[in-house]
Amino acid sequence: SAALMVGLTPAAASAHDERTTRTLDGTGSV
């Protein structure tokens, strides 16, 4: 039950804390 319900992964630390960001409207360009 521990394994099935706590299926953490190696990438669980592969990120960072950041402010809440807005959703971009996608009107830009490269």
PDB file of all heavy atoms in Angstrom:
ATOM      1  N   SER A   1       0.823  -1.203   0.000  1.00  0.00           N
ATOM      2  CA  SER A   1       0.000   0.000   0.000  1.00  0.00           C
ATOM      3  C   SER A   1       0.855   1.250   0.000  1.00  0.00           C
ATOM      4  O   SER A   1       0.534   2.232  -0.669  1.00  0.00           O
ATOM      5  CB  SER A   1      -0.929   0.004   1.221  1.00  0.00           C
ATOM      6  OG  SER A   1      -0.175  -0.020   2.413  1.00  0.00           O
ATOM      7  N   ALA A   2       1.968   1.223   0.705  1.00  0.00           N
ATOM      8  CA  ALA A   2       2.864   2.381   0.681  1.00  0.00           C
ATOM      9  C   ALA A   2       3.387   2.630  -0.707  1.00  0.00           C
ATOM     10  O   ALA A   2       3.410   3.759  -1.194  1.00  0.00           O
ATOM     11  CB  ALA A   2       4.021   2.158   1.656  1.00  0.00           C
ATOM     12  N   ALA A   3       3.812   1.572  -1.361  1.00  0.00           N
ATOM     13  CA  ALA A   3       4.373   1.717  -2.698  1.00  0.00           C
ATOM     14  C   ALA A   3       3.342   2.210  -3.682  1.00  0.00           C
ATOM     15  O   ALA A   3       3.596   3.104  -4.487  1.00  0.00           O
ATOM     16  CB  ALA A   3       4.943   0.385  -3.164  1.00  0.00           C
ATOM     17  N   LEU A   4       2.134   1.623  -3.646  1.00  0.00           N
ATOM     18  CA  LEU A   4       1.132   1.966  -4.643  1.00  0.00           C
ATOM     19  C   LEU A   4       0.571   3.354  -4.428  1.00  0.00           C
ATOM     20  O   LEU A   4       0.260   4.054  -5.385  1.00  0.00           O
ATOM     21  CB  LEU A   4       0.000   0.938  -4.601  1.00  0.00           C
ATOM     22  CG  LEU A   4       0.378  -0.478  -5.039  1.00  0.00           C
ATOM     23  CD1 LEU A   4      -0.838  -1.387  -4.950  1.00  0.00           C
ATOM     24  CD2 LEU A   4       0.928  -0.480  -6.451  1.00  0.00           C
ATOM     25  N   MET A   5       0.435   3.772  -3.194  1.00  0.00           N
ATOM     26  CA  MET A   5      -0.213   5.044  -2.938  1.00  0.00           C
ATOM     27  C   MET A   5       0.746   6.188  -2.695  1.00  0.00           C
ATOM     28  O   MET A   5       0.339   7.325  -2.542  1.00  0.00           O
ATOM     29  CB  MET A   5      -1.156   4.919  -1.737  1.00  0.00           C
ATOM     30  CG  MET A   5      -2.284   3.934  -1.998  1.00  0.00           C
ATOM     31  SD  MET A   5      -3.153   4.242  -3.572  1.00  0.00           S
ATOM     32  CE  MET A   5      -3.829   5.862  -3.259  1.00  0.00           C
ATOM     33  N   VAL A   6       2.036   5.909  -2.652  1.00  0.00           N
ATOM     34  CA  VAL A   6       3.020   6.975  -2.520  1.00  0.00           C
ATOM     35  C   VAL A   6       4.050   6.808  -3.622  1.00  0.00           C
ATOM     36  O   VAL A   6       5.239   6.760  -3.383  1.00  0.00           O
ATOM     37  CB  VAL A   6       3.699   6.966  -1.132  1.00  0.00           C
ATOM     38  CG1 VAL A   6       4.422   8.271  -0.885  1.00  0.00           C
ATOM     39  CG2 VAL A   6       2.685   6.752  -0.024  1.00  0.00           C
ATOM     40  N   GLY A   7       3.585   6.741  -4.841  1.00  0.00           N
ATOM     41  CA  GLY A   7       4.482   6.460  -5.957  1.00  0.00           C
ATOM     42  C   GLY A   7       5.309   7.651  -6.340  1.00  0.00           C
ATOM     43  O   GLY A   7       5.235   8.132  -7.460  1.00  0.00           O
ATOM     44  N   LEU A   8       6.079   8.172  -5.415  1.00  0.00           N
ATOM     45  CA  LEU A   8       6.945   9.295  -5.715  1.00  0.00           C
ATOM     46  C   LEU A   8       7.971   8.885  -6.748  1.00  0.00           C
ATOM     47  O   LEU A   8       8.262   7.714  -6.928  1.00  0.00           O
ATOM     48  CB  LEU A   8       7.648   9.782  -4.450  1.00  0.00           C
ATOM     49  CG  LEU A   8       6.735  10.325  -3.365  1.00  0.00           C
ATOM     50  CD1 LEU A   8       7.575  10.714  -2.158  1.00  0.00           C
ATOM     51  CD2 LEU A   8       5.918  11.491  -3.828  1.00  0.00           C
ATOM     52  N   THR A   9       8.558   9.850  -7.428  1.00  0.00           N
ATOM     53  CA  THR A   9       9.472   9.558  -8.515  1.00  0.00           C
ATOM     54  C   THR A   9      10.733  10.351  -8.351  1.00  0.00           C
ATOM     55  O   THR A   9      10.798  11.314  -7.596  1.00  0.00           O
ATOM     56  CB  THR A   9       8.830   9.923  -9.856  1.00  0.00           C
ATOM     57  OG1 THR A   9       8.678  11.331  -9.908  1.00  0.00           O
ATOM     58  CG2 THR A   9       7.479   9.274 -10.014  1.00  0.00           C
ATOM     59  N   PRO A  10      11.784  10.006  -9.082  1.00  0.00           N
ATOM     60  CA  PRO A  10      13.045  10.696  -8.936  1.00  0.00           C
ATOM     61  C   PRO A  10      12.972  12.153  -9.289  1.00  0.00           C
ATOM     62  O   PRO A  10      13.726  12.947  -8.759  1.00  0.00           O
ATOM     63  CB  PRO A  10      13.957   9.951  -9.910  1.00  0.00           C
ATOM     64  CG  PRO A  10      13.031   9.305 -10.868  1.00  0.00           C
ATOM     65  CD  PRO A  10      11.824   8.953 -10.073  1.00  0.00           C
ATOM     66  N   ALA A  11      12.074  12.503 -10.172  1.00  0.00           N
ATOM     67  CA  ALA A  11      12.022  13.884 -10.601  1.00  0.00           C
ATOM     68  C   ALA A  11      11.219  14.758  -9.659  1.00  0.00           C
ATOM     69  O   ALA A  11      10.960  15.903  -9.948  1.00  0.00           O
ATOM     70  CB  ALA A  11      11.445  13.983 -12.007  1.00  0.00           C
ATOM     71  N   ALA A  12      10.800  14.207  -8.521  1.00  0.00           N
ATOM     72  CA  ALA A  12       9.995  14.997  -7.615  1.00  0.00           C
ATOM     73  C   ALA A  12      10.727  16.236  -7.133  1.00  0.00           C
ATOM     74  O   ALA A  12      10.120  17.211  -6.731  1.00  0.00           O
ATOM     75  CB  ALA A  12       9.573  14.155  -6.414  1.00  0.00           C
ATOM     76  N   ALA A  13      12.032  16.243  -7.152  1.00  0.00           N
ATOM     77  CA  ALA A  13      12.794  17.427  -6.763  1.00  0.00           C
ATOM     78  C   ALA A  13      13.304  18.189  -7.969  1.00  0.00           C
ATOM     79  O   ALA A  13      14.016  19.162  -7.837  1.00  0.00           O
ATOM     80  CB  ALA A  13      13.963  17.021  -5.879  1.00  0.00           C
ATOM     81  N   SER A  14      12.923  17.706  -9.154  1.00  0.00           N
ATOM     82  CA  SER A  14      13.461  18.295 -10.369  1.00  0.00           C
ATOM     83  C   SER A  14      12.602  19.464 -10.808  1.00  0.00           C
ATOM     84  O   SER A  14      12.006  19.475 -11.870  1.00  0.00           O
ATOM     85  CB  SER A  14      13.525  17.239 -11.477  1.00  0.00           C
ATOM     86  OG  SER A  14      14.073  17.796 -12.645  1.00  0.00           O
ATOM     87  N   ALA A  15      12.479  20.455  -9.973  1.00  0.00           N
ATOM     88  CA  ALA A  15      11.677  21.629 -10.261  1.00  0.00           C
ATOM     89  C   ALA A  15      12.027  22.671  -9.213  1.00  0.00           C
ATOM     90  O   ALA A  15      12.974  22.494  -8.458  1.00  0.00           O
ATOM     91  CB  ALA A  15      10.191  21.284 -10.238  1.00  0.00           C
ATOM     92  N   HIS A  16      11.249  23.760  -9.160  1.00  0.00           N
ATOM     93  CA  HIS A  16      11.561  24.782  -8.181  1.00  0.00           C
ATOM     94  C   HIS A  16      10.285  25.510  -7.804  1.00  0.00           C
ATOM     95  O   HIS A  16       9.294  25.493  -8.528  1.00  0.00           O
ATOM     96  CB  HIS A  16      12.591  25.767  -8.744  1.00  0.00           C
ATOM     97  CG  HIS A  16      12.055  26.621  -9.852  1.00  0.00           C
ATOM     98  ND1 HIS A  16      11.612  26.098 -11.053  1.00  0.00           N
ATOM     99  CD2 HIS A  16      11.871  27.963  -9.941  1.00  0.00           C
ATOM    100  CE1 HIS A  16      11.194  27.088 -11.838  1.00  0.00           C
ATOM    101  NE2 HIS A  16      11.336  28.218 -11.190  1.00  0.00           N
ATOM    102  N   ASP A  17      10.317  26.151  -6.643  1.00  0.00           N
ATOM    103  CA  ASP A  17       9.194  26.959  -6.200  1.00  0.00           C
ATOM    104  C   ASP A  17       9.253  28.316  -6.883  1.00  0.00           C
ATOM    105  O   ASP A  17      10.315  28.931  -7.003  1.00  0.00           O
ATOM    106  CB  ASP A  17       9.251  27.143  -4.683  1.00  0.00           C
ATOM    107  CG  ASP A  17       9.040  25.830  -3.944  1.00  0.00           C
ATOM    108  OD1 ASP A  17       8.089  25.127  -4.289  1.00  0.00           O
ATOM    109  OD2 ASP A  17       9.836  25.525  -3.043  1.00  0.00           O
ATOM    110  N   GLU A  18       8.091  28.807  -7.307  1.00  0.00           N
ATOM    111  CA  GLU A  18       8.031  30.093  -7.993  1.00  0.00           C
ATOM    112  C   GLU A  18       6.688  30.741  -7.696  1.00  0.00           C
ATOM    113  O   GLU A  18       5.750  30.077  -7.232  1.00  0.00           O
ATOM    114  CB  GLU A  18       8.226  29.882  -9.505  1.00  0.00           C
ATOM    115  CG  GLU A  18       8.356  31.134 -10.345  1.00  0.00           C
ATOM    116  CD  GLU A  18       9.395  32.115  -9.800  1.00  0.00           C
ATOM    117  OE1 GLU A  18      10.581  31.974 -10.103  1.00  0.00           O
ATOM    118  OE2 GLU A  18       8.982  33.039  -9.059  1.00  0.00           O
ATOM    119  N   ARG A  19       6.602  32.047  -7.934  1.00  0.00           N
ATOM    120  CA  ARG A  19       5.329  32.751  -7.767  1.00  0.00           C
ATOM    121  C   ARG A  19       4.264  32.149  -8.695  1.00  0.00           C
ATOM    122  O   ARG A  19       4.577  31.460  -9.667  1.00  0.00           O
ATOM    123  CB  ARG A  19       5.508  34.230  -8.096  1.00  0.00           C
ATOM    124  CG  ARG A  19       5.777  34.484  -9.579  1.00  0.00           C
ATOM    125  CD  ARG A  19       5.831  35.979  -9.898  1.00  0.00           C
ATOM    126  NE  ARG A  19       5.860  36.236 -11.328  1.00  0.00           N
ATOM    127  CZ  ARG A  19       6.911  36.711 -11.994  1.00  0.00           C
ATOM    128  NH1 ARG A  19       8.041  36.955 -11.352  1.00  0.00           N
ATOM    129  NH2 ARG A  19       6.833  36.935 -13.300  1.00  0.00           N
ATOM    130  N   THR A  20       3.019  32.421  -8.399  1.00  0.00           N
ATOM    131  CA  THR A  20       1.943  32.023  -9.301  1.00  0.00           C
ATOM    132  C   THR A  20       2.058  32.836 -10.580  1.00  0.00           C
ATOM    133  O   THR A  20       2.089  34.074 -10.546  1.00  0.00           O
ATOM    134  CB  THR A  20       0.577  32.256  -8.651  1.00  0.00           C
ATOM    135  OG1 THR A  20       0.502  31.489  -7.443  1.00  0.00           O
ATOM    136  CG2 THR A  20      -0.541  31.836  -9.587  1.00  0.00           C
ATOM    137  N   THR A  21       2.165  32.147 -11.701  1.00  0.00           N
ATOM    138  CA  THR A  21       2.383  32.837 -12.980  1.00  0.00           C
ATOM    139  C   THR A  21       1.090  32.936 -13.770  1.00  0.00           C
ATOM    140  O   THR A  21       0.188  32.114 -13.630  1.00  0.00           O
ATOM    141  CB  THR A  21       3.425  32.085 -13.813  1.00  0.00           C
ATOM    142  OG1 THR A  21       3.044  30.711 -13.920  1.00  0.00           O
ATOM    143  CG2 THR A  21       4.799  32.166 -13.163  1.00  0.00           C
ATOM    144  N   ARG A  22       1.020  33.937 -14.624  1.00  0.00           N
ATOM    145  CA  ARG A  22      -0.149  34.127 -15.473  1.00  0.00           C
ATOM    146  C   ARG A  22      -0.065  33.179 -16.670  1.00  0.00           C
ATOM    147  O   ARG A  22       1.020  32.720 -17.059  1.00  0.00           O
ATOM    148  CB  ARG A  22      -0.211  35.571 -15.970  1.00  0.00           C
ATOM    149  CG  ARG A  22       1.023  35.974 -16.753  1.00  0.00           C
ATOM    150  CD  ARG A  22       0.977  37.390 -17.262  1.00  0.00           C
ATOM    151  NE  ARG A  22       2.218  37.705 -17.979  1.00  0.00           N
ATOM    152  CZ  ARG A  22       2.400  38.801 -18.712  1.00  0.00           C
ATOM    153  NH1 ARG A  22       1.420  39.672 -18.832  1.00  0.00           N
ATOM    154  NH2 ARG A  22       3.555  39.011 -19.318  1.00  0.00           N
ATOM    155  N   THR A  23      -1.196  32.912 -17.294  1.00  0.00           N
ATOM    156  CA  THR A  23      -1.240  32.124 -18.517  1.00  0.00           C
ATOM    157  C   THR A  23      -1.026  33.051 -19.697  1.00  0.00           C
ATOM    158  O   THR A  23      -1.735  34.059 -19.853  1.00  0.00           O
ATOM    159  CB  THR A  23      -2.589  31.407 -18.652  1.00  0.00           C
ATOM    160  OG1 THR A  23      -2.764  30.531 -17.534  1.00  0.00           O
ATOM    161  CG2 THR A  23      -2.644  30.600 -19.941  1.00  0.00           C
ATOM    162  N   LEU A  24      -0.043  32.727 -20.537  1.00  0.00           N
ATOM    163  CA  LEU A  24       0.246  33.573 -21.694  1.00  0.00           C
ATOM    164  C   LEU A  24      -0.827  33.391 -22.756  1.00  0.00           C
ATOM    165  O   LEU A  24      -1.386  32.300 -22.914  1.00  0.00           O
ATOM    166  CB  LEU A  24       1.616  33.218 -22.263  1.00  0.00           C
ATOM    167  CG  LEU A  24       2.794  33.353 -21.281  1.00  0.00           C
ATOM    168  CD1 LEU A  24       4.079  32.874 -21.931  1.00  0.00           C
ATOM    169  CD2 LEU A  24       2.940  34.786 -20.803  1.00  0.00           C
ATOM    170  N   ASP A  25      -1.102  34.462 -23.502  1.00  0.00           N
ATOM    171  CA  ASP A  25      -2.170  34.380 -24.503  1.00  0.00           C
ATOM    172  C   ASP A  25      -1.707  33.779 -25.824  1.00  0.00           C
ATOM    173  O   ASP A  25      -2.516  33.546 -26.734  1.00  0.00           O
ATOM    174  CB  ASP A  25      -2.808  35.748 -24.741  1.00  0.00           C
ATOM    175  CG  ASP A  25      -1.815  36.795 -25.272  1.00  0.00           C
ATOM    176  OD1 ASP A  25      -0.729  36.421 -25.752  1.00  0.00           O
ATOM    177  OD2 ASP A  25      -2.148  37.990 -25.204  1.00  0.00           O
ATOM    178  N   GLY A  26      -0.389  33.530 -25.966  1.00  0.00           N
ATOM    179  CA  GLY A  26       0.109  32.859 -27.156  1.00  0.00           C
ATOM    180  C   GLY A  26       0.150  33.707 -28.403  1.00  0.00           C
ATOM    181  O   GLY A  26       0.259  33.174 -29.526  1.00  0.00           O
ATOM    182  N   THR A  27       0.102  35.012 -28.258  1.00  0.00           N
ATOM    183  CA  THR A  27       0.123  35.887 -29.438  1.00  0.00           C
ATOM    184  C   THR A  27       1.537  36.283 -29.853  1.00  0.00           C
ATOM    185  O   THR A  27       1.709  36.986 -30.848  1.00  0.00           O
ATOM    186  CB  THR A  27      -0.687  37.165 -29.159  1.00  0.00           C
ATOM    187  OG1 THR A  27      -0.126  37.837 -28.009  1.00  0.00           O
ATOM    188  CG2 THR A  27      -2.138  36.825 -28.881  1.00  0.00           C
ATOM    189  N   GLY A  28       2.527  35.851 -29.114  1.00  0.00           N
ATOM    190  CA  GLY A  28       3.903  36.227 -29.438  1.00  0.00           C
ATOM    191  C   GLY A  28       4.469  35.404 -30.578  1.00  0.00           C
ATOM    192  O   GLY A  28       3.767  34.649 -31.263  1.00  0.00           O
ATOM    193  N   SER A  29       5.771  35.507 -30.761  1.00  0.00           N
ATOM    194  CA  SER A  29       6.456  34.745 -31.806  1.00  0.00           C
ATOM    195  C   SER A  29       7.915  34.572 -31.390  1.00  0.00           C
ATOM    196  O   SER A  29       8.421  35.300 -30.528  1.00  0.00           O
ATOM    197  CB  SER A  29       6.371  35.460 -33.154  1.00  0.00           C
ATOM    198  OG  SER A  29       6.988  36.742 -33.080  1.00  0.00           O
ATOM    199  N   VAL A  30       8.577  33.609 -32.015  1.00  0.00           N
ATOM    200  CA  VAL A  30       9.994  33.401 -31.754  1.00  0.00           C
ATOM    201  C   VAL A  30      10.771  34.555 -32.380  1.00  0.00           C
ATOM    202  O   VAL A  30      10.647  34.798 -33.587  1.00  0.00           O
ATOM    203  CB  VAL A  30      10.469  32.060 -32.341  1.00  0.00           C
ATOM    204  CG1 VAL A  30      11.964  31.878 -32.095  1.00  0.00           C
ATOM    205  CG2 VAL A  30       9.680  30.909 -31.739  1.00  0.00           C
TER     206      VAL A  30
END
